[in-house]
Every structure is written in C-alpha cells, then in structure tokens.
PDB file of all heavy atoms in Angstrom:
ATOM      1  N   LEU A   1      -1.056   5.813  -0.464  1.00  0.00           N
ATOM      2  CA  LEU A   1      -1.159   5.532   0.974  1.00  0.00           C
ATOM      3  C   LEU A   1      -2.595   5.174   1.365  1.00  0.00           C
ATOM      4  O   LEU A   1      -2.832   4.188   2.077  1.00  0.00           O
ATOM      5  CB  LEU A   1      -0.717   6.747   1.791  1.00  0.00           C
ATOM      6  CG  LEU A   1       0.772   6.946   1.981  1.00  0.00           C
ATOM      7  CD1 LEU A   1       1.050   8.325   2.578  1.00  0.00           C
ATOM      8  CD2 LEU A   1       1.346   5.858   2.863  1.00  0.00           C
ATOM      9  N   ILE A   2      -3.531   5.969   0.897  1.00  0.00           N
ATOM     10  CA  ILE A   2      -4.944   5.725   1.214  1.00  0.00           C
ATOM     11  C   ILE A   2      -5.384   4.380   0.654  1.00  0.00           C
ATOM     12  O   ILE A   2      -6.061   3.601   1.337  1.00  0.00           O
ATOM     13  CB  ILE A   2      -5.818   6.875   0.674  1.00  0.00           C
ATOM     14  CG1 ILE A   2      -5.573   8.151   1.483  1.00  0.00           C
ATOM     15  CG2 ILE A   2      -7.295   6.492   0.687  1.00  0.00           C
ATOM     16  CD1 ILE A   2      -6.139   9.415   0.850  1.00  0.00           C
ATOM     17  N   THR A   3      -4.984   4.085  -0.578  1.00  0.00           N
ATOM     18  CA  THR A   3      -5.365   2.822  -1.216  1.00  0.00           C
ATOM     19  C   THR A   3      -4.808   1.629  -0.442  1.00  0.00           C
ATOM     20  O   THR A   3      -5.523   0.647  -0.199  1.00  0.00           O
ATOM     21  CB  THR A   3      -4.902   2.804  -2.679  1.00  0.00           C
ATOM     22  OG1 THR A   3      -5.518   3.903  -3.371  1.00  0.00           O
ATOM     23  CG2 THR A   3      -5.252   1.497  -3.370  1.00  0.00           C
ATOM     24  N   ALA A   4      -3.544   1.722  -0.032  1.00  0.00           N
ATOM     25  CA  ALA A   4      -2.934   0.631   0.735  1.00  0.00           C
ATOM     26  C   ALA A   4      -3.685   0.411   2.043  1.00  0.00           C
ATOM     27  O   ALA A   4      -3.975  -0.730   2.422  1.00  0.00           O
ATOM     28  CB  ALA A   4      -1.466   0.927   0.997  1.00  0.00           C
ATOM     29  N   GLU A   5      -4.018   1.490   2.715  1.00  0.00           N
ATOM     30  CA  GLU A   5      -4.727   1.352   3.986  1.00  0.00           C
ATOM     31  C   GLU A   5      -6.160   0.865   3.782  1.00  0.00           C
ATOM     32  O   GLU A   5      -6.680   0.107   4.596  1.00  0.00           O
ATOM     33  CB  GLU A   5      -4.685   2.667   4.757  1.00  0.00           C
ATOM     34  CG  GLU A   5      -3.279   2.938   5.246  1.00  0.00           C
ATOM     35  CD  GLU A   5      -3.149   4.188   6.079  1.00  0.00           C
ATOM     36  OE1 GLU A   5      -4.147   4.621   6.681  1.00  0.00           O
ATOM     37  OE2 GLU A   5      -2.031   4.715   6.120  1.00  0.00           O
ATOM     38  N   PHE A   6      -6.788   1.289   2.700  1.00  0.00           N
ATOM     39  CA  PHE A   6      -8.134   0.800   2.401  1.00  0.00           C
ATOM     40  C   PHE A   6      -8.114  -0.715   2.216  1.00  0.00           C
ATOM     41  O   PHE A   6      -8.912  -1.429   2.808  1.00  0.00           O
ATOM     42  CB  PHE A   6      -8.672   1.491   1.143  1.00  0.00           C
ATOM     43  CG  PHE A   6      -9.995   0.949   0.671  1.00  0.00           C
ATOM     44  CD1 PHE A   6     -11.168   1.253   1.348  1.00  0.00           C
ATOM     45  CD2 PHE A   6     -10.069   0.132  -0.444  1.00  0.00           C
ATOM     46  CE1 PHE A   6     -12.397   0.742   0.922  1.00  0.00           C
ATOM     47  CE2 PHE A   6     -11.281  -0.373  -0.881  1.00  0.00           C
ATOM     48  CZ  PHE A   6     -12.451  -0.068  -0.197  1.00  0.00           C
ATOM     49  N   TYR A   7      -7.165  -1.209   1.399  1.00  0.00           N
ATOM     50  CA  TYR A   7      -7.096  -2.646   1.171  1.00  0.00           C
ATOM     51  C   TYR A   7      -6.723  -3.419   2.438  1.00  0.00           C
ATOM     52  O   TYR A   7      -7.244  -4.506   2.681  1.00  0.00           O
ATOM     53  CB  TYR A   7      -6.115  -2.985   0.053  1.00  0.00           C
ATOM     54  CG  TYR A   7      -6.637  -2.672  -1.322  1.00  0.00           C
ATOM     55  CD1 TYR A   7      -5.852  -1.990  -2.244  1.00  0.00           C
ATOM     56  CD2 TYR A   7      -7.918  -3.049  -1.720  1.00  0.00           C
ATOM     57  CE1 TYR A   7      -6.326  -1.692  -3.519  1.00  0.00           C
ATOM     58  CE2 TYR A   7      -8.403  -2.752  -2.979  1.00  0.00           C
ATOM     59  CZ  TYR A   7      -7.603  -2.080  -3.876  1.00  0.00           C
ATOM     60  OH  TYR A   7      -8.071  -1.791  -5.135  1.00  0.00           O
ATOM     61  N   SER A   8      -5.852  -2.869   3.251  1.00  0.00           N
ATOM     62  CA  SER A   8      -5.467  -3.621   4.449  1.00  0.00           C
ATOM     63  C   SER A   8      -6.491  -3.501   5.567  1.00  0.00           C
ATOM     64  O   SER A   8      -6.771  -4.474   6.259  1.00  0.00           O
ATOM     65  CB  SER A   8      -4.077  -3.194   4.942  1.00  0.00           C
ATOM     66  OG  SER A   8      -4.064  -1.867   5.379  1.00  0.00           O
ATOM     67  N   ASN A   9      -7.102  -2.330   5.744  1.00  0.00           N
ATOM     68  CA  ASN A   9      -7.979  -2.113   6.899  1.00  0.00           C
ATOM     69  C   ASN A   9      -9.465  -2.260   6.617  1.00  0.00           C
ATOM     70  O   ASN A   9     -10.216  -2.630   7.507  1.00  0.00           O
ATOM     71  CB  ASN A   9      -7.727  -0.730   7.500  1.00  0.00           C
ATOM     72  CG  ASN A   9      -6.317  -0.585   8.020  1.00  0.00           C
ATOM     73  OD1 ASN A   9      -5.629  -1.557   8.250  1.00  0.00           O
ATOM     74  ND2 ASN A   9      -5.876   0.640   8.190  1.00  0.00           N
ATOM     75  N   ALA A  10      -9.902  -1.937   5.409  1.00  0.00           N
ATOM     76  CA  ALA A  10     -11.342  -1.995   5.120  1.00  0.00           C
ATOM     77  C   ALA A  10     -11.743  -3.305   4.449  1.00  0.00           C
ATOM     78  O   ALA A  10     -12.761  -3.886   4.803  1.00  0.00           O
ATOM     79  CB  ALA A  10     -11.766  -0.811   4.252  1.00  0.00           C
ATOM     80  N   THR A  11     -10.933  -3.766   3.501  1.00  0.00           N
ATOM     81  CA  THR A  11     -11.315  -4.980   2.770  1.00  0.00           C
ATOM     82  C   THR A  11     -10.518  -6.214   3.196  1.00  0.00           C
ATOM     83  O   THR A  11     -10.922  -7.327   2.892  1.00  0.00           O
ATOM     84  CB  THR A  11     -11.148  -4.794   1.246  1.00  0.00           C
ATOM     85  OG1 THR A  11      -9.746  -4.704   0.928  1.00  0.00           O
ATOM     86  CG2 THR A  11     -11.896  -3.569   0.749  1.00  0.00           C
ATOM     87  N   GLY A  12      -9.394  -6.007   3.852  1.00  0.00           N
ATOM     88  CA  GLY A  12      -8.566  -7.127   4.279  1.00  0.00           C
ATOM     89  C   GLY A  12      -7.777  -7.785   3.159  1.00  0.00           C
ATOM     90  O   GLY A  12      -7.237  -8.872   3.332  1.00  0.00           O
ATOM     91  N   GLU A  13      -7.683  -7.107   2.030  1.00  0.00           N
ATOM     92  CA  GLU A  13      -6.928  -7.644   0.889  1.00  0.00           C
ATOM     93  C   GLU A  13      -5.453  -7.273   1.049  1.00  0.00           C
ATOM     94  O   GLU A  13      -4.958  -6.336   0.432  1.00  0.00           O
ATOM     95  CB  GLU A  13      -7.504  -7.099  -0.406  1.00  0.00           C
ATOM     96  CG  GLU A  13      -8.945  -7.539  -0.647  1.00  0.00           C
ATOM     97  CD  GLU A  13      -9.569  -6.854  -1.844  1.00  0.00           C
ATOM     98  OE1 GLU A  13      -9.444  -7.405  -2.964  1.00  0.00           O
ATOM     99  OE2 GLU A  13     -10.158  -5.766  -1.664  1.00  0.00           O
ATOM    100  N   LEU A  14      -4.757  -8.051   1.882  1.00  0.00           N
ATOM    101  CA  LEU A  14      -3.393  -7.717   2.254  1.00  0.00           C
ATOM    102  C   LEU A  14      -2.422  -7.787   1.085  1.00  0.00           C
ATOM    103  O   LEU A  14      -1.462  -7.008   1.031  1.00  0.00           O
ATOM    104  CB  LEU A  14      -2.930  -8.605   3.403  1.00  0.00           C
ATOM    105  CG  LEU A  14      -3.722  -8.457   4.700  1.00  0.00           C
ATOM    106  CD1 LEU A  14      -3.186  -9.401   5.771  1.00  0.00           C
ATOM    107  CD2 LEU A  14      -3.715  -7.018   5.183  1.00  0.00           C
ATOM    108  N   ASP A  15      -2.641  -8.711   0.147  1.00  0.00           N
ATOM    109  CA  ASP A  15      -1.757  -8.779  -1.016  1.00  0.00           C
ATOM    110  C   ASP A  15      -1.863  -7.509  -1.853  1.00  0.00           C
ATOM    111  O   ASP A  15      -0.852  -6.961  -2.298  1.00  0.00           O
ATOM    112  CB  ASP A  15      -2.052 -10.012  -1.872  1.00  0.00           C
ATOM    113  CG  ASP A  15      -1.599 -11.299  -1.198  1.00  0.00           C
ATOM    114  OD1 ASP A  15      -0.691 -11.235  -0.341  1.00  0.00           O
ATOM    115  OD2 ASP A  15      -2.151 -12.359  -1.532  1.00  0.00           O
ATOM    116  N   LYS A  16      -3.086  -7.014  -2.067  1.00  0.00           N
ATOM    117  CA  LYS A  16      -3.271  -5.764  -2.810  1.00  0.00           C
ATOM    118  C   LYS A  16      -2.642  -4.601  -2.049  1.00  0.00           C
ATOM    119  O   LYS A  16      -2.025  -3.710  -2.642  1.00  0.00           O
ATOM    120  CB  LYS A  16      -4.757  -5.478  -3.050  1.00  0.00           C
ATOM    121  CG  LYS A  16      -5.386  -6.310  -4.128  1.00  0.00           C
ATOM    122  CD  LYS A  16      -6.824  -5.864  -4.360  1.00  0.00           C
ATOM    123  CE  LYS A  16      -7.495  -6.676  -5.443  1.00  0.00           C
ATOM    124  NZ  LYS A  16      -8.886  -6.224  -5.669  1.00  0.00           N
ATOM    125  N   ALA A  17      -2.801  -4.606  -0.744  1.00  0.00           N
ATOM    126  CA  ALA A  17      -2.213  -3.552   0.081  1.00  0.00           C
ATOM    127  C   ALA A  17      -0.692  -3.574  -0.030  1.00  0.00           C
ATOM    128  O   ALA A  17      -0.056  -2.523  -0.190  1.00  0.00           O
ATOM    129  CB  ALA A  17      -2.650  -3.714   1.523  1.00  0.00           C
ATOM    130  N   ALA A  18      -0.106  -4.768   0.036  1.00  0.00           N
ATOM    131  CA  ALA A  18       1.352  -4.888  -0.069  1.00  0.00           C
ATOM    132  C   ALA A  18       1.840  -4.424  -1.435  1.00  0.00           C
ATOM    133  O   ALA A  18       2.832  -3.689  -1.527  1.00  0.00           O
ATOM    134  CB  ALA A  18       1.780  -6.328   0.195  1.00  0.00           C
ATOM    135  N   HIS A  19       1.154  -4.814  -2.492  1.00  0.00           N
ATOM    136  CA  HIS A  19       1.558  -4.382  -3.842  1.00  0.00           C
ATOM    137  C   HIS A  19       1.465  -2.873  -3.983  1.00  0.00           C
ATOM    138  O   HIS A  19       2.315  -2.246  -4.615  1.00  0.00           O
ATOM    139  CB  HIS A  19       0.710  -5.074  -4.916  1.00  0.00           C
ATOM    140  CG  HIS A  19       0.968  -6.542  -5.032  1.00  0.00           C
ATOM    141  ND1 HIS A  19       2.222  -7.088  -5.240  1.00  0.00           N
ATOM    142  CD2 HIS A  19       0.127  -7.599  -4.954  1.00  0.00           C
ATOM    143  CE1 HIS A  19       2.149  -8.395  -5.288  1.00  0.00           C
ATOM    144  NE2 HIS A  19       0.880  -8.737  -5.108  1.00  0.00           N
ATOM    145  N   THR A  20       0.445  -2.280  -3.378  1.00  0.00           N
ATOM    146  CA  THR A  20       0.305  -0.829  -3.430  1.00  0.00           C
ATOM    147  C   THR A  20       1.460  -0.163  -2.688  1.00  0.00           C
ATOM    148  O   THR A  20       2.032   0.825  -3.172  1.00  0.00           O
ATOM    149  CB  THR A  20      -1.049  -0.389  -2.832  1.00  0.00           C
ATOM    150  OG1 THR A  20      -2.104  -1.057  -3.531  1.00  0.00           O
ATOM    151  CG2 THR A  20      -1.240   1.109  -2.946  1.00  0.00           C
ATOM    152  N   CYS A  21       1.835  -0.700  -1.541  1.00  0.00           N
ATOM    153  CA  CYS A  21       2.976  -0.151  -0.794  1.00  0.00           C
ATOM    154  C   CYS A  21       4.281  -0.313  -1.567  1.00  0.00           C
ATOM    155  O   CYS A  21       5.125   0.587  -1.561  1.00  0.00           O
ATOM    156  CB  CYS A  21       3.099  -0.819   0.565  1.00  0.00           C
ATOM    157  SG  CYS A  21       1.866  -0.271   1.743  1.00  0.00           S
ATOM    158  N   GLU A  22       4.437  -1.443  -2.222  1.00  0.00           N
ATOM    159  CA  GLU A  22       5.647  -1.652  -3.027  1.00  0.00           C
ATOM    160  C   GLU A  22       5.717  -0.630  -4.151  1.00  0.00           C
ATOM    161  O   GLU A  22       6.789  -0.086  -4.446  1.00  0.00           O
ATOM    162  CB  GLU A  22       5.683  -3.085  -3.551  1.00  0.00           C
ATOM    163  CG  GLU A  22       5.934  -4.101  -2.442  1.00  0.00           C
ATOM    164  CD  GLU A  22       5.568  -5.528  -2.821  1.00  0.00           C
ATOM    165  OE1 GLU A  22       5.072  -5.776  -3.945  1.00  0.00           O
ATOM    166  OE2 GLU A  22       5.762  -6.411  -1.961  1.00  0.00           O
ATOM    167  N   ALA A  23       4.578  -0.328  -4.778  1.00  0.00           N
ATOM    168  CA  ALA A  23       4.536   0.705  -5.824  1.00  0.00           C
ATOM    169  C   ALA A  23       4.856   2.072  -5.229  1.00  0.00           C
ATOM    170  O   ALA A  23       5.566   2.884  -5.851  1.00  0.00           O
ATOM    171  CB  ALA A  23       3.162   0.724  -6.495  1.00  0.00           C
ATOM    172  N   LEU A  24       4.368   2.322  -4.048  1.00  0.00           N
ATOM    173  CA  LEU A  24       4.637   3.583  -3.363  1.00  0.00           C
ATOM    174  C   LEU A  24       6.130   3.724  -3.080  1.00  0.00           C
ATOM    175  O   LEU A  24       6.730   4.779  -3.327  1.00  0.00           O
ATOM    176  CB  LEU A  24       3.830   3.636  -2.066  1.00  0.00           C
ATOM    177  CG  LEU A  24       3.898   4.885  -1.224  1.00  0.00           C
ATOM    178  CD1 LEU A  24       3.435   6.113  -1.995  1.00  0.00           C
ATOM    179  CD2 LEU A  24       3.045   4.716   0.026  1.00  0.00           C
ATOM    180  N   ILE A  25       6.752   2.668  -2.593  1.00  0.00           N
ATOM    181  CA  ILE A  25       8.190   2.686  -2.300  1.00  0.00           C
ATOM    182  C   ILE A  25       8.994   2.872  -3.584  1.00  0.00           C
ATOM    183  O   ILE A  25       9.984   3.606  -3.610  1.00  0.00           O
ATOM    184  CB  ILE A  25       8.609   1.410  -1.545  1.00  0.00           C
ATOM    185  CG1 ILE A  25       8.046   1.458  -0.120  1.00  0.00           C
ATOM    186  CG2 ILE A  25      10.121   1.230  -1.547  1.00  0.00           C
ATOM    187  CD1 ILE A  25       8.153   0.157   0.645  1.00  0.00           C
ATOM    188  N   GLU A  26       8.557   2.227  -4.646  1.00  0.00           N
ATOM    189  CA  GLU A  26       9.255   2.370  -5.921  1.00  0.00           C
ATOM    190  C   GLU A  26       9.199   3.818  -6.419  1.00  0.00           C
ATOM    191  O   GLU A  26      10.190   4.354  -6.891  1.00  0.00           O
ATOM    192  CB  GLU A  26       8.640   1.439  -6.962  1.00  0.00           C
ATOM    193  CG  GLU A  26       9.428   1.388  -8.258  1.00  0.00           C
ATOM    194  CD  GLU A  26       8.883   0.337  -9.200  1.00  0.00           C
ATOM    195  OE1 GLU A  26       8.592  -0.787  -8.736  1.00  0.00           O
ATOM    196  OE2 GLU A  26       8.745   0.662 -10.395  1.00  0.00           O
ATOM    197  N   SER A  27       8.047   4.456  -6.281  1.00  0.00           N
ATOM    198  CA  SER A  27       7.885   5.833  -6.741  1.00  0.00           C
ATOM    199  C   SER A  27       8.443   6.856  -5.758  1.00  0.00           C
ATOM    200  O   SER A  27       8.904   7.924  -6.172  1.00  0.00           O
ATOM    201  CB  SER A  27       6.402   6.145  -6.963  1.00  0.00           C
ATOM    202  OG  SER A  27       5.878   5.345  -7.990  1.00  0.00           O
ATOM    203  N   TYR A  28       8.383   6.534  -4.469  1.00  0.00           N
ATOM    204  CA  TYR A  28       8.799   7.469  -3.416  1.00  0.00           C
ATOM    205  C   TYR A  28       9.692   6.734  -2.413  1.00  0.00           C
ATOM    206  O   TYR A  28       9.263   6.437  -1.296  1.00  0.00           O
ATOM    207  CB  TYR A  28       7.577   8.056  -2.711  1.00  0.00           C
ATOM    208  CG  TYR A  28       6.603   8.728  -3.648  1.00  0.00           C
ATOM    209  CD1 TYR A  28       5.520   8.033  -4.177  1.00  0.00           C
ATOM    210  CD2 TYR A  28       6.791  10.051  -4.033  1.00  0.00           C
ATOM    211  CE1 TYR A  28       4.632   8.634  -5.051  1.00  0.00           C
ATOM    212  CE2 TYR A  28       5.904  10.669  -4.909  1.00  0.00           C
ATOM    213  CZ  TYR A  28       4.836   9.954  -5.410  1.00  0.00           C
ATOM    214  OH  TYR A  28       3.960  10.556  -6.284  1.00  0.00           O
ATOM    215  N   PRO A  29      10.938   6.427  -2.808  1.00  0.00           N
ATOM    216  CA  PRO A  29      11.794   5.600  -1.951  1.00  0.00           C
ATOM    217  C   PRO A  29      12.180   6.236  -0.614  1.00  0.00           C
ATOM    218  O   PRO A  29      12.667   5.544   0.269  1.00  0.00           O
ATOM    219  CB  PRO A  29      13.027   5.343  -2.817  1.00  0.00           C
ATOM    220  CG  PRO A  29      13.006   6.419  -3.843  1.00  0.00           C
ATOM    221  CD  PRO A  29      11.578   6.790  -4.063  1.00  0.00           C
ATOM    222  N   ARG A  30      11.936   7.522  -0.427  1.00  0.00           N
ATOM    223  CA  ARG A  30      12.243   8.187   0.842  1.00  0.00           C
ATOM    224  C   ARG A  30      10.988   8.420   1.684  1.00  0.00           C
ATOM    225  O   ARG A  30      11.006   9.178   2.638  1.00  0.00           O
ATOM    226  CB  ARG A  30      12.954   9.533   0.595  1.00  0.00           C
ATOM    227  CG  ARG A  30      14.220   9.433  -0.215  1.00  0.00           C
ATOM    228  CD  ARG A  30      15.485   9.163   0.539  1.00  0.00           C
ATOM    229  NE  ARG A  30      15.622   9.964   1.724  1.00  0.00           N
ATOM    230  CZ  ARG A  30      16.175   9.531   2.844  1.00  0.00           C
ATOM    231  NH1 ARG A  30      16.637   8.317   2.921  1.00  0.00           N
ATOM    232  NH2 ARG A  30      16.280  10.306   3.895  1.00  0.00           N
ATOM    233  N   ASP A  31       9.901   7.753   1.337  1.00  0.00           N
ATOM    234  CA  ASP A  31       8.635   7.914   2.049  1.00  0.00           C
ATOM    235  C   ASP A  31       8.571   6.944   3.224  1.00  0.00           C
ATOM    236  O   ASP A  31       8.346   5.742   3.049  1.00  0.00           O
ATOM    237  CB  ASP A  31       7.465   7.677   1.094  1.00  0.00           C
ATOM    238  CG  ASP A  31       6.123   7.993   1.724  1.00  0.00           C
ATOM    239  OD1 ASP A  31       5.951   7.764   2.938  1.00  0.00           O
ATOM    240  OD2 ASP A  31       5.248   8.472   0.997  1.00  0.00           O
ATOM    241  N   ALA A  32       8.773   7.468   4.414  1.00  0.00           N
ATOM    242  CA  ALA A  32       8.777   6.631   5.607  1.00  0.00           C
ATOM    243  C   ALA A  32       7.432   5.937   5.820  1.00  0.00           C
ATOM    244  O   ALA A  32       7.391   4.783   6.262  1.00  0.00           O
ATOM    245  CB  ALA A  32       9.142   7.473   6.830  1.00  0.00           C
TER     246      ALA A  32
END
C-alpha cells in the first residue's frame, strides 16, 4: 500500500503504482 501511494503521489509513476496495486490485489483479494 505504501509503495503504491509513494509511486502515485510522490514520484508520479502511475504505471508502477498500478502494478503494485495489482500485486496487492493478487495477494490480498479482499483488501478494499
């Protein structure tokens, strides 16, 4: 979660942020 937000909010690397979220969903599919 922190990594996704860092990439989206601090560096603006939205593709990296999206990939991190996709990995998060894959590992934690019930994580709202």
